[in-house]
Amino acid sequence: MAIRPERPGDEAAIREIHLVAFARGGVEGSAEANLVDALRAACAYPPELSVVAEVEGCLAGHLLISFAAIETATGDVPCLALAPVGVLPGYERLHVGTRLMRHALAEATCMGYRLLVVLGHPKYYRHFGFRPAAPLGIECQWPVASEAFMVLELVPGALEGVRGRVKYHPAFDGF
């Protein structure tokens, strides 16, 4: 399995990953697929942080980290937002999601980013060091279950003195 940044020509396969991975009750996961398309069209993420898992020449998973900011009393603090992470059925046991996460977190850290937020399953994201954001003074721009909105310090101490509300890219507004 190769973990690599998205390349030109991967768009259709990435869209299919999210349509299938987020299908619910026979309905395609078009919201997630459309979100990726909108973020791509807006150049709303570092290209290195749109990451795919390639297994025997086929794309099996995709992870996207986009730009965000924490609105504080003294100004905006740049951060990143993780969403979505999609893995095709049948590839989960290969730990595709875990490998995508580890690669993306290492890349974001190497690129000098300091904070990453996610809205997702607490049990899963805790394995990567995410903590509930609310007790740390970080709120989501939407009403969400507090345990599902989490933050990760990519740099120890990055949250020191930071309190505020995360503002996602406008592409998320329709999500």
N, C-alpha and C. Protein backbone atom coordinates (compact mmCIF):
# COMPACT_ATOMS: atom_id res chain seq x y z
N MET A 1 0.85 -1.18 0.00
CA MET A 1 0.00 0.00 0.00
C MET A 1 0.89 1.24 0.00
N ALA A 2 0.55 2.17 -0.88
CA ALA A 2 1.26 3.44 -0.95
C ALA A 2 0.34 4.55 -0.45
N ILE A 3 0.87 5.40 0.41
CA ILE A 3 0.15 6.59 0.87
C ILE A 3 0.84 7.76 0.19
N ARG A 4 0.05 8.57 -0.52
CA ARG A 4 0.63 9.67 -1.29
C ARG A 4 -0.36 10.82 -1.41
N PRO A 5 0.14 12.00 -1.78
CA PRO A 5 -0.77 13.11 -2.04
C PRO A 5 -1.63 12.83 -3.27
N GLU A 6 -2.80 13.42 -3.29
CA GLU A 6 -3.66 13.38 -4.48
C GLU A 6 -2.90 13.94 -5.67
N ARG A 7 -3.13 13.32 -6.84
CA ARG A 7 -2.52 13.79 -8.08
C ARG A 7 -3.62 14.15 -9.08
N PRO A 8 -3.29 14.99 -10.07
CA PRO A 8 -4.27 15.24 -11.13
C PRO A 8 -4.70 13.90 -11.75
N GLY A 9 -5.97 13.75 -11.96
CA GLY A 9 -6.51 12.50 -12.48
C GLY A 9 -7.11 11.61 -11.41
N ASP A 10 -6.85 11.92 -10.14
CA ASP A 10 -7.40 11.12 -9.02
C ASP A 10 -8.82 11.55 -8.64
N GLU A 11 -9.29 12.67 -9.17
CA GLU A 11 -10.54 13.26 -8.70
C GLU A 11 -11.73 12.31 -8.76
N ALA A 12 -11.92 11.63 -9.87
CA ALA A 12 -13.08 10.74 -10.01
C ALA A 12 -13.02 9.58 -9.02
N ALA A 13 -11.84 9.01 -8.84
CA ALA A 13 -11.69 7.90 -7.89
C ALA A 13 -11.92 8.38 -6.46
N ILE A 14 -11.46 9.57 -6.14
CA ILE A 14 -11.67 10.12 -4.80
C ILE A 14 -13.16 10.36 -4.57
N ARG A 15 -13.83 10.90 -5.57
CA ARG A 15 -15.28 11.12 -5.44
C ARG A 15 -15.99 9.79 -5.19
N GLU A 16 -15.62 8.77 -5.93
CA GLU A 16 -16.24 7.45 -5.77
C GLU A 16 -15.99 6.88 -4.38
N ILE A 17 -14.79 7.08 -3.85
CA ILE A 17 -14.48 6.61 -2.49
C ILE A 17 -15.50 7.19 -1.51
N HIS A 18 -15.74 8.49 -1.58
CA HIS A 18 -16.64 9.12 -0.62
C HIS A 18 -18.10 8.77 -0.88
N LEU A 19 -18.48 8.63 -2.14
CA LEU A 19 -19.85 8.21 -2.45
C LEU A 19 -20.15 6.86 -1.83
N VAL A 20 -19.19 5.94 -1.92
CA VAL A 20 -19.39 4.58 -1.41
C VAL A 20 -19.17 4.51 0.10
N ALA A 21 -18.10 5.13 0.58
CA ALA A 21 -17.75 5.03 2.01
C ALA A 21 -18.81 5.65 2.91
N PHE A 22 -19.48 6.69 2.43
CA PHE A 22 -20.46 7.38 3.27
C PHE A 22 -21.90 7.08 2.87
N ALA A 23 -22.10 6.03 2.07
CA ALA A 23 -23.46 5.63 1.70
C ALA A 23 -24.22 5.21 2.95
N ARG A 24 -25.46 5.66 3.03
CA ARG A 24 -26.31 5.33 4.18
C ARG A 24 -27.66 4.86 3.67
N GLY A 25 -28.04 3.67 4.06
CA GLY A 25 -29.36 3.16 3.68
C GLY A 25 -29.57 3.14 2.18
N GLY A 26 -28.53 2.80 1.42
CA GLY A 26 -28.64 2.74 -0.02
C GLY A 26 -28.50 4.08 -0.73
N VAL A 27 -28.28 5.15 0.03
CA VAL A 27 -28.12 6.49 -0.55
C VAL A 27 -26.64 6.84 -0.55
N GLU A 28 -26.13 7.26 -1.70
CA GLU A 28 -24.72 7.60 -1.82
C GLU A 28 -24.32 8.72 -0.85
N GLY A 29 -23.05 8.74 -0.52
CA GLY A 29 -22.52 9.79 0.35
C GLY A 29 -22.17 11.04 -0.43
N SER A 30 -23.15 11.62 -1.09
CA SER A 30 -22.88 12.75 -1.98
C SER A 30 -22.44 14.00 -1.22
N ALA A 31 -22.88 14.17 0.03
CA ALA A 31 -22.48 15.37 0.79
C ALA A 31 -20.97 15.42 0.96
N GLU A 32 -20.37 14.31 1.36
CA GLU A 32 -18.92 14.26 1.55
C GLU A 32 -18.18 14.43 0.23
N ALA A 33 -18.67 13.74 -0.81
CA ALA A 33 -18.04 13.86 -2.13
C ALA A 33 -18.13 15.29 -2.64
N ASN A 34 -19.28 15.93 -2.47
CA ASN A 34 -19.45 17.32 -2.90
C ASN A 34 -18.58 18.27 -2.09
N LEU A 35 -18.41 17.98 -0.80
CA LEU A 35 -17.54 18.80 0.04
C LEU A 35 -16.11 18.77 -0.49
N VAL A 36 -15.60 17.59 -0.80
CA VAL A 36 -14.24 17.47 -1.34
C VAL A 36 -14.13 18.27 -2.64
N ASP A 37 -15.11 18.12 -3.52
CA ASP A 37 -15.09 18.86 -4.79
C ASP A 37 -15.08 20.37 -4.55
N ALA A 38 -15.89 20.85 -3.61
CA ALA A 38 -15.97 22.28 -3.32
C ALA A 38 -14.67 22.80 -2.71
N LEU A 39 -14.08 22.04 -1.80
CA LEU A 39 -12.81 22.45 -1.19
C LEU A 39 -11.70 22.47 -2.24
N ARG A 40 -11.71 21.49 -3.14
CA ARG A 40 -10.71 21.45 -4.21
C ARG A 40 -10.88 22.67 -5.12
N ALA A 41 -12.11 22.97 -5.52
CA ALA A 41 -12.38 24.10 -6.42
C ALA A 41 -11.95 25.42 -5.78
N ALA A 42 -12.05 25.52 -4.46
CA ALA A 42 -11.70 26.75 -3.74
C ALA A 42 -10.22 26.80 -3.35
N CYS A 43 -9.46 25.76 -3.68
CA CYS A 43 -8.05 25.68 -3.25
C CYS A 43 -7.95 25.92 -1.74
N ALA A 44 -8.83 25.25 -0.99
CA ALA A 44 -8.99 25.50 0.44
C ALA A 44 -8.18 24.56 1.32
N TYR A 45 -7.17 23.94 0.77
CA TYR A 45 -6.34 23.03 1.55
C TYR A 45 -4.93 22.99 0.96
N PRO A 46 -3.96 22.64 1.79
CA PRO A 46 -2.62 22.43 1.26
C PRO A 46 -2.63 21.17 0.39
N PRO A 47 -2.13 21.21 -0.83
CA PRO A 47 -2.18 20.02 -1.69
C PRO A 47 -1.57 18.77 -1.06
N GLU A 48 -0.57 18.96 -0.22
CA GLU A 48 0.07 17.82 0.44
C GLU A 48 -0.84 17.12 1.43
N LEU A 49 -1.96 17.77 1.81
CA LEU A 49 -2.84 17.22 2.83
C LEU A 49 -4.16 16.70 2.26
N SER A 50 -4.18 16.46 0.97
CA SER A 50 -5.23 15.65 0.34
C SER A 50 -4.52 14.36 -0.02
N VAL A 51 -4.73 13.34 0.79
CA VAL A 51 -3.90 12.13 0.77
C VAL A 51 -4.74 10.92 0.38
N VAL A 52 -4.15 10.07 -0.47
CA VAL A 52 -4.84 8.85 -0.89
C VAL A 52 -4.03 7.62 -0.49
N ALA A 53 -4.75 6.51 -0.36
CA ALA A 53 -4.13 5.19 -0.17
C ALA A 53 -4.33 4.43 -1.46
N GLU A 54 -3.23 3.97 -2.03
CA GLU A 54 -3.27 3.23 -3.29
C GLU A 54 -2.87 1.78 -3.02
N VAL A 55 -3.76 0.87 -3.39
CA VAL A 55 -3.52 -0.57 -3.20
C VAL A 55 -3.58 -1.23 -4.57
N GLU A 56 -2.46 -1.78 -4.99
CA GLU A 56 -2.37 -2.48 -6.28
C GLU A 56 -2.94 -1.63 -7.42
N GLY A 57 -2.57 -0.36 -7.44
CA GLY A 57 -2.97 0.53 -8.52
C GLY A 57 -4.34 1.15 -8.39
N CYS A 58 -5.09 0.79 -7.35
CA CYS A 58 -6.44 1.34 -7.15
C CYS A 58 -6.47 2.19 -5.89
N LEU A 59 -7.21 3.29 -5.94
CA LEU A 59 -7.35 4.12 -4.75
C LEU A 59 -8.38 3.48 -3.83
N ALA A 60 -7.98 3.29 -2.57
CA ALA A 60 -8.83 2.62 -1.58
C ALA A 60 -9.30 3.55 -0.48
N GLY A 61 -8.66 4.71 -0.34
CA GLY A 61 -9.03 5.64 0.72
C GLY A 61 -8.55 7.04 0.42
N HIS A 62 -9.19 8.00 1.07
CA HIS A 62 -8.83 9.41 0.89
C HIS A 62 -9.06 10.16 2.20
N LEU A 63 -8.17 11.08 2.49
CA LEU A 63 -8.26 11.94 3.67
C LEU A 63 -7.95 13.36 3.22
N LEU A 64 -8.72 14.31 3.74
CA LEU A 64 -8.51 15.71 3.38
C LEU A 64 -8.44 16.57 4.63
N ILE A 65 -7.45 17.44 4.66
CA ILE A 65 -7.29 18.42 5.74
C ILE A 65 -7.30 19.80 5.10
N SER A 66 -8.24 20.64 5.54
CA SER A 66 -8.41 21.97 4.95
C SER A 66 -8.04 23.07 5.94
N PHE A 67 -7.94 24.28 5.40
CA PHE A 67 -7.64 25.45 6.22
C PHE A 67 -8.85 25.83 7.08
N ALA A 68 -8.59 26.28 8.29
CA ALA A 68 -9.62 26.79 9.19
C ALA A 68 -8.95 27.84 10.07
N ALA A 69 -9.72 28.40 10.98
CA ALA A 69 -9.17 29.38 11.92
C ALA A 69 -9.97 29.33 13.21
N ILE A 70 -9.30 29.65 14.30
CA ILE A 70 -9.97 29.80 15.58
C ILE A 70 -10.12 31.30 15.81
N GLU A 71 -11.38 31.75 15.85
CA GLU A 71 -11.66 33.16 16.09
C GLU A 71 -11.54 33.42 17.58
N THR A 72 -10.57 34.26 17.97
CA THR A 72 -10.34 34.57 19.38
C THR A 72 -10.59 36.06 19.60
N ALA A 73 -10.55 36.46 20.85
CA ALA A 73 -10.76 37.87 21.20
C ALA A 73 -9.66 38.76 20.64
N THR A 74 -8.50 38.19 20.36
CA THR A 74 -7.38 38.99 19.88
C THR A 74 -7.07 38.77 18.40
N GLY A 75 -7.92 38.02 17.70
CA GLY A 75 -7.70 37.77 16.28
C GLY A 75 -7.77 36.29 15.96
N ASP A 76 -7.67 35.99 14.69
CA ASP A 76 -7.76 34.60 14.24
C ASP A 76 -6.44 33.87 14.43
N VAL A 77 -6.55 32.62 14.90
CA VAL A 77 -5.41 31.72 15.03
C VAL A 77 -5.57 30.66 13.95
N PRO A 78 -4.62 30.55 13.02
CA PRO A 78 -4.75 29.55 11.97
C PRO A 78 -4.77 28.13 12.55
N CYS A 79 -5.58 27.29 11.94
CA CYS A 79 -5.58 25.87 12.29
C CYS A 79 -6.00 25.10 11.05
N LEU A 80 -6.07 23.81 11.19
CA LEU A 80 -6.51 22.93 10.11
C LEU A 80 -7.74 22.17 10.57
N ALA A 81 -8.53 21.70 9.59
CA ALA A 81 -9.72 20.90 9.89
C ALA A 81 -9.66 19.60 9.09
N LEU A 82 -9.85 18.50 9.77
CA LEU A 82 -9.82 17.18 9.16
C LEU A 82 -11.23 16.78 8.76
N ALA A 83 -11.45 16.58 7.46
CA ALA A 83 -12.74 16.08 6.97
C ALA A 83 -12.75 16.16 5.45
N PRO A 84 -13.21 15.13 4.83
CA PRO A 84 -13.59 13.83 5.36
C PRO A 84 -12.44 12.82 5.26
N VAL A 85 -12.66 11.68 5.88
CA VAL A 85 -11.79 10.51 5.74
C VAL A 85 -12.69 9.39 5.24
N GLY A 86 -12.41 8.87 4.07
CA GLY A 86 -13.23 7.80 3.51
C GLY A 86 -12.38 6.63 3.07
N VAL A 87 -12.87 5.43 3.36
CA VAL A 87 -12.18 4.19 2.97
C VAL A 87 -13.22 3.28 2.33
N LEU A 88 -12.87 2.70 1.19
CA LEU A 88 -13.79 1.78 0.53
C LEU A 88 -14.03 0.54 1.38
N PRO A 89 -15.25 0.04 1.39
CA PRO A 89 -15.53 -1.20 2.12
C PRO A 89 -14.60 -2.31 1.60
N GLY A 90 -14.17 -3.13 2.52
CA GLY A 90 -13.27 -4.21 2.17
C GLY A 90 -11.81 -3.88 2.41
N TYR A 91 -11.52 -2.60 2.58
CA TYR A 91 -10.14 -2.19 2.83
C TYR A 91 -9.89 -1.77 4.28
N GLU A 92 -10.96 -1.71 5.08
CA GLU A 92 -10.81 -1.27 6.46
C GLU A 92 -9.83 -2.14 7.24
N ARG A 93 -9.87 -3.43 7.00
CA ARG A 93 -9.00 -4.35 7.76
C ARG A 93 -7.52 -4.19 7.42
N LEU A 94 -7.24 -3.48 6.35
CA LEU A 94 -5.85 -3.18 6.00
C LEU A 94 -5.36 -1.94 6.73
N HIS A 95 -6.21 -1.38 7.59
CA HIS A 95 -5.87 -0.19 8.38
C HIS A 95 -5.56 1.01 7.49
N VAL A 96 -6.30 1.12 6.39
CA VAL A 96 -6.11 2.23 5.45
C VAL A 96 -6.32 3.56 6.16
N GLY A 97 -7.40 3.69 6.92
CA GLY A 97 -7.68 4.94 7.62
C GLY A 97 -6.57 5.33 8.58
N THR A 98 -6.07 4.37 9.32
CA THR A 98 -4.98 4.63 10.26
C THR A 98 -3.73 5.08 9.52
N ARG A 99 -3.42 4.44 8.42
CA ARG A 99 -2.22 4.82 7.66
C ARG A 99 -2.37 6.21 7.04
N LEU A 100 -3.57 6.50 6.55
CA LEU A 100 -3.81 7.85 6.03
C LEU A 100 -3.64 8.89 7.13
N MET A 101 -4.22 8.61 8.30
CA MET A 101 -4.13 9.54 9.43
C MET A 101 -2.68 9.78 9.83
N ARG A 102 -1.94 8.71 10.03
CA ARG A 102 -0.54 8.87 10.48
C ARG A 102 0.28 9.67 9.48
N HIS A 103 0.08 9.38 8.21
CA HIS A 103 0.81 10.11 7.17
C HIS A 103 0.44 11.60 7.19
N ALA A 104 -0.86 11.88 7.21
CA ALA A 104 -1.32 13.27 7.16
C ALA A 104 -0.89 14.06 8.40
N LEU A 105 -0.96 13.44 9.57
CA LEU A 105 -0.54 14.13 10.79
C LEU A 105 0.95 14.44 10.75
N ALA A 106 1.75 13.49 10.30
CA ALA A 106 3.19 13.73 10.19
C ALA A 106 3.48 14.83 9.18
N GLU A 107 2.79 14.80 8.05
CA GLU A 107 3.00 15.82 7.01
C GLU A 107 2.60 17.20 7.51
N ALA A 108 1.44 17.31 8.16
CA ALA A 108 0.98 18.60 8.68
C ALA A 108 1.97 19.16 9.69
N THR A 109 2.50 18.29 10.54
CA THR A 109 3.48 18.71 11.53
C THR A 109 4.76 19.19 10.85
N CYS A 110 5.25 18.43 9.88
CA CYS A 110 6.47 18.82 9.15
C CYS A 110 6.29 20.14 8.41
N MET A 111 5.07 20.42 7.99
CA MET A 111 4.79 21.66 7.26
C MET A 111 4.66 22.86 8.20
N GLY A 112 4.71 22.61 9.52
CA GLY A 112 4.68 23.70 10.48
C GLY A 112 3.31 24.07 11.01
N TYR A 113 2.29 23.30 10.68
CA TYR A 113 0.97 23.58 11.24
C TYR A 113 0.96 23.19 12.71
N ARG A 114 0.14 23.89 13.49
CA ARG A 114 0.18 23.73 14.94
C ARG A 114 -1.05 23.06 15.54
N LEU A 115 -2.22 23.27 14.93
CA LEU A 115 -3.48 22.77 15.49
C LEU A 115 -4.34 22.14 14.42
N LEU A 116 -5.06 21.08 14.81
CA LEU A 116 -5.95 20.38 13.90
C LEU A 116 -7.23 20.04 14.66
N VAL A 117 -8.38 20.33 14.04
CA VAL A 117 -9.66 19.99 14.66
C VAL A 117 -10.36 18.94 13.82
N VAL A 118 -11.24 18.19 14.48
CA VAL A 118 -12.04 17.18 13.79
C VAL A 118 -13.39 17.07 14.48
N LEU A 119 -14.40 16.79 13.68
CA LEU A 119 -15.73 16.48 14.19
C LEU A 119 -15.96 15.03 13.78
N GLY A 120 -15.91 14.13 14.77
CA GLY A 120 -15.99 12.72 14.43
C GLY A 120 -16.15 11.83 15.64
N HIS A 121 -15.88 10.55 15.43
CA HIS A 121 -16.04 9.55 16.48
C HIS A 121 -14.92 9.67 17.51
N PRO A 122 -15.26 10.04 18.75
CA PRO A 122 -14.24 10.25 19.78
C PRO A 122 -13.34 9.04 20.00
N LYS A 123 -13.93 7.87 20.03
CA LYS A 123 -13.14 6.66 20.31
C LYS A 123 -12.05 6.46 19.25
N TYR A 124 -12.38 6.70 18.01
CA TYR A 124 -11.40 6.52 16.93
C TYR A 124 -10.31 7.59 16.99
N TYR A 125 -10.71 8.84 17.07
CA TYR A 125 -9.73 9.93 16.96
C TYR A 125 -8.86 10.07 18.21
N ARG A 126 -9.33 9.57 19.35
CA ARG A 126 -8.49 9.59 20.56
C ARG A 126 -7.20 8.81 20.35
N HIS A 127 -7.24 7.78 19.51
CA HIS A 127 -6.04 6.98 19.24
C HIS A 127 -4.92 7.81 18.62
N PHE A 128 -5.27 8.91 18.03
CA PHE A 128 -4.28 9.76 17.37
C PHE A 128 -3.92 10.99 18.21
N GLY A 129 -4.45 11.05 19.43
CA GLY A 129 -4.12 12.14 20.34
C GLY A 129 -5.12 13.28 20.40
N PHE A 130 -6.22 13.17 19.67
CA PHE A 130 -7.25 14.21 19.74
C PHE A 130 -7.91 14.21 21.11
N ARG A 131 -8.25 15.41 21.58
CA ARG A 131 -8.94 15.58 22.87
C ARG A 131 -10.20 16.41 22.65
N PRO A 132 -11.20 16.23 23.51
CA PRO A 132 -12.39 17.08 23.40
C PRO A 132 -11.98 18.56 23.45
N ALA A 133 -12.52 19.34 22.53
CA ALA A 133 -12.11 20.74 22.39
C ALA A 133 -12.76 21.66 23.41
N ALA A 134 -14.02 21.40 23.76
CA ALA A 134 -14.77 22.32 24.64
C ALA A 134 -14.07 22.56 25.98
N PRO A 135 -13.60 21.52 26.69
CA PRO A 135 -12.93 21.78 27.96
C PRO A 135 -11.64 22.61 27.81
N LEU A 136 -11.13 22.68 26.59
CA LEU A 136 -9.91 23.45 26.33
C LEU A 136 -10.23 24.86 25.84
N GLY A 137 -11.53 25.19 25.81
CA GLY A 137 -11.94 26.53 25.41
C GLY A 137 -12.10 26.72 23.91
N ILE A 138 -12.21 25.63 23.18
CA ILE A 138 -12.38 25.70 21.72
C ILE A 138 -13.77 25.20 21.37
N GLU A 139 -14.54 26.02 20.67
CA GLU A 139 -15.91 25.67 20.29
C GLU A 139 -16.02 25.49 18.78
N CYS A 140 -16.98 24.71 18.36
CA CYS A 140 -17.28 24.53 16.94
C CYS A 140 -18.24 25.64 16.49
N GLN A 141 -18.19 26.00 15.23
CA GLN A 141 -19.08 27.04 14.73
C GLN A 141 -20.52 26.57 14.63
N TRP A 142 -20.76 25.26 14.69
CA TRP A 142 -22.12 24.71 14.65
C TRP A 142 -22.44 24.03 15.96
N PRO A 143 -23.70 23.89 16.29
CA PRO A 143 -24.06 23.12 17.49
C PRO A 143 -23.79 21.63 17.22
N VAL A 144 -22.88 21.07 17.99
CA VAL A 144 -22.51 19.66 17.83
C VAL A 144 -22.37 19.02 19.20
N ALA A 145 -22.38 17.70 19.23
CA ALA A 145 -22.11 16.99 20.48
C ALA A 145 -20.69 17.32 20.92
N SER A 146 -20.55 17.81 22.14
CA SER A 146 -19.24 18.31 22.58
C SER A 146 -18.16 17.24 22.54
N GLU A 147 -18.51 15.98 22.82
CA GLU A 147 -17.49 14.93 22.81
C GLU A 147 -17.01 14.61 21.39
N ALA A 148 -17.78 14.98 20.36
CA ALA A 148 -17.41 14.68 18.98
C ALA A 148 -16.52 15.74 18.35
N PHE A 149 -16.45 16.93 18.96
CA PHE A 149 -15.61 17.99 18.42
C PHE A 149 -14.31 17.99 19.19
N MET A 150 -13.22 17.70 18.48
CA MET A 150 -11.93 17.47 19.14
C MET A 150 -10.82 18.29 18.50
N VAL A 151 -9.74 18.42 19.24
CA VAL A 151 -8.59 19.18 18.77
C VAL A 151 -7.32 18.38 19.07
N LEU A 152 -6.32 18.59 18.22
CA LEU A 152 -5.01 17.96 18.40
C LEU A 152 -3.95 19.05 18.28
N GLU A 153 -3.09 19.11 19.28
CA GLU A 153 -1.93 20.00 19.20
C GLU A 153 -0.86 19.26 18.41
N LEU A 154 -0.55 19.74 17.22
CA LEU A 154 0.53 19.16 16.43
C LEU A 154 1.88 19.59 17.00
N VAL A 155 1.86 20.72 17.69
CA VAL A 155 3.03 21.24 18.39
C VAL A 155 2.63 21.38 19.86
N PRO A 156 3.35 20.73 20.78
CA PRO A 156 2.99 20.85 22.19
C PRO A 156 2.92 22.32 22.62
N GLY A 157 1.85 22.64 23.35
CA GLY A 157 1.66 24.00 23.83
C GLY A 157 0.98 24.93 22.85
N ALA A 158 0.60 24.43 21.68
CA ALA A 158 -0.01 25.29 20.65
C ALA A 158 -1.33 25.90 21.09
N LEU A 159 -2.01 25.26 22.03
CA LEU A 159 -3.30 25.80 22.52
C LEU A 159 -3.14 26.80 23.66
N GLU A 160 -1.93 26.98 24.13
CA GLU A 160 -1.71 27.87 25.26
C GLU A 160 -2.22 29.28 24.94
N GLY A 161 -3.18 29.74 25.73
CA GLY A 161 -3.75 31.07 25.56
C GLY A 161 -4.76 31.18 24.43
N VAL A 162 -5.07 30.08 23.76
CA VAL A 162 -6.01 30.11 22.64
C VAL A 162 -7.38 29.65 23.12
N ARG A 163 -8.36 30.54 23.01
CA ARG A 163 -9.75 30.24 23.35
C ARG A 163 -10.61 30.88 22.28
N GLY A 164 -11.58 30.15 21.76
CA GLY A 164 -12.44 30.76 20.75
C GLY A 164 -13.25 29.74 19.98
N ARG A 165 -13.75 30.19 18.84
CA ARG A 165 -14.65 29.39 18.02
C ARG A 165 -13.98 29.08 16.69
N VAL A 166 -14.02 27.80 16.30
CA VAL A 166 -13.43 27.40 15.03
C VAL A 166 -14.35 27.80 13.89
N LYS A 167 -13.77 28.43 12.90
CA LYS A 167 -14.49 28.81 11.69
C LYS A 167 -13.91 27.98 10.54
N TYR A 168 -14.78 27.11 10.00
CA TYR A 168 -14.40 26.28 8.86
C TYR A 168 -14.48 27.08 7.57
N HIS A 169 -13.89 26.55 6.52
CA HIS A 169 -14.00 27.16 5.19
C HIS A 169 -15.48 27.22 4.79
N PRO A 170 -15.90 28.26 4.05
CA PRO A 170 -17.31 28.37 3.65
C PRO A 170 -17.86 27.17 2.89
N ALA A 171 -17.02 26.36 2.28
CA ALA A 171 -17.50 25.15 1.58
C ALA A 171 -18.24 24.22 2.53
N PHE A 172 -17.93 24.29 3.82
CA PHE A 172 -18.59 23.44 4.81
C PHE A 172 -20.01 23.92 5.13
N ASP A 173 -20.34 25.15 4.79
CA ASP A 173 -21.65 25.70 5.15
C ASP A 173 -22.80 24.88 4.59
N GLY A 174 -22.66 24.33 3.41
CA GLY A 174 -23.71 23.51 2.83
C GLY A 174 -23.65 22.06 3.23
N PHE A 175 -22.67 21.70 4.01
CA PHE A 175 -22.45 20.32 4.44
C PHE A 175 -23.32 20.05 5.62
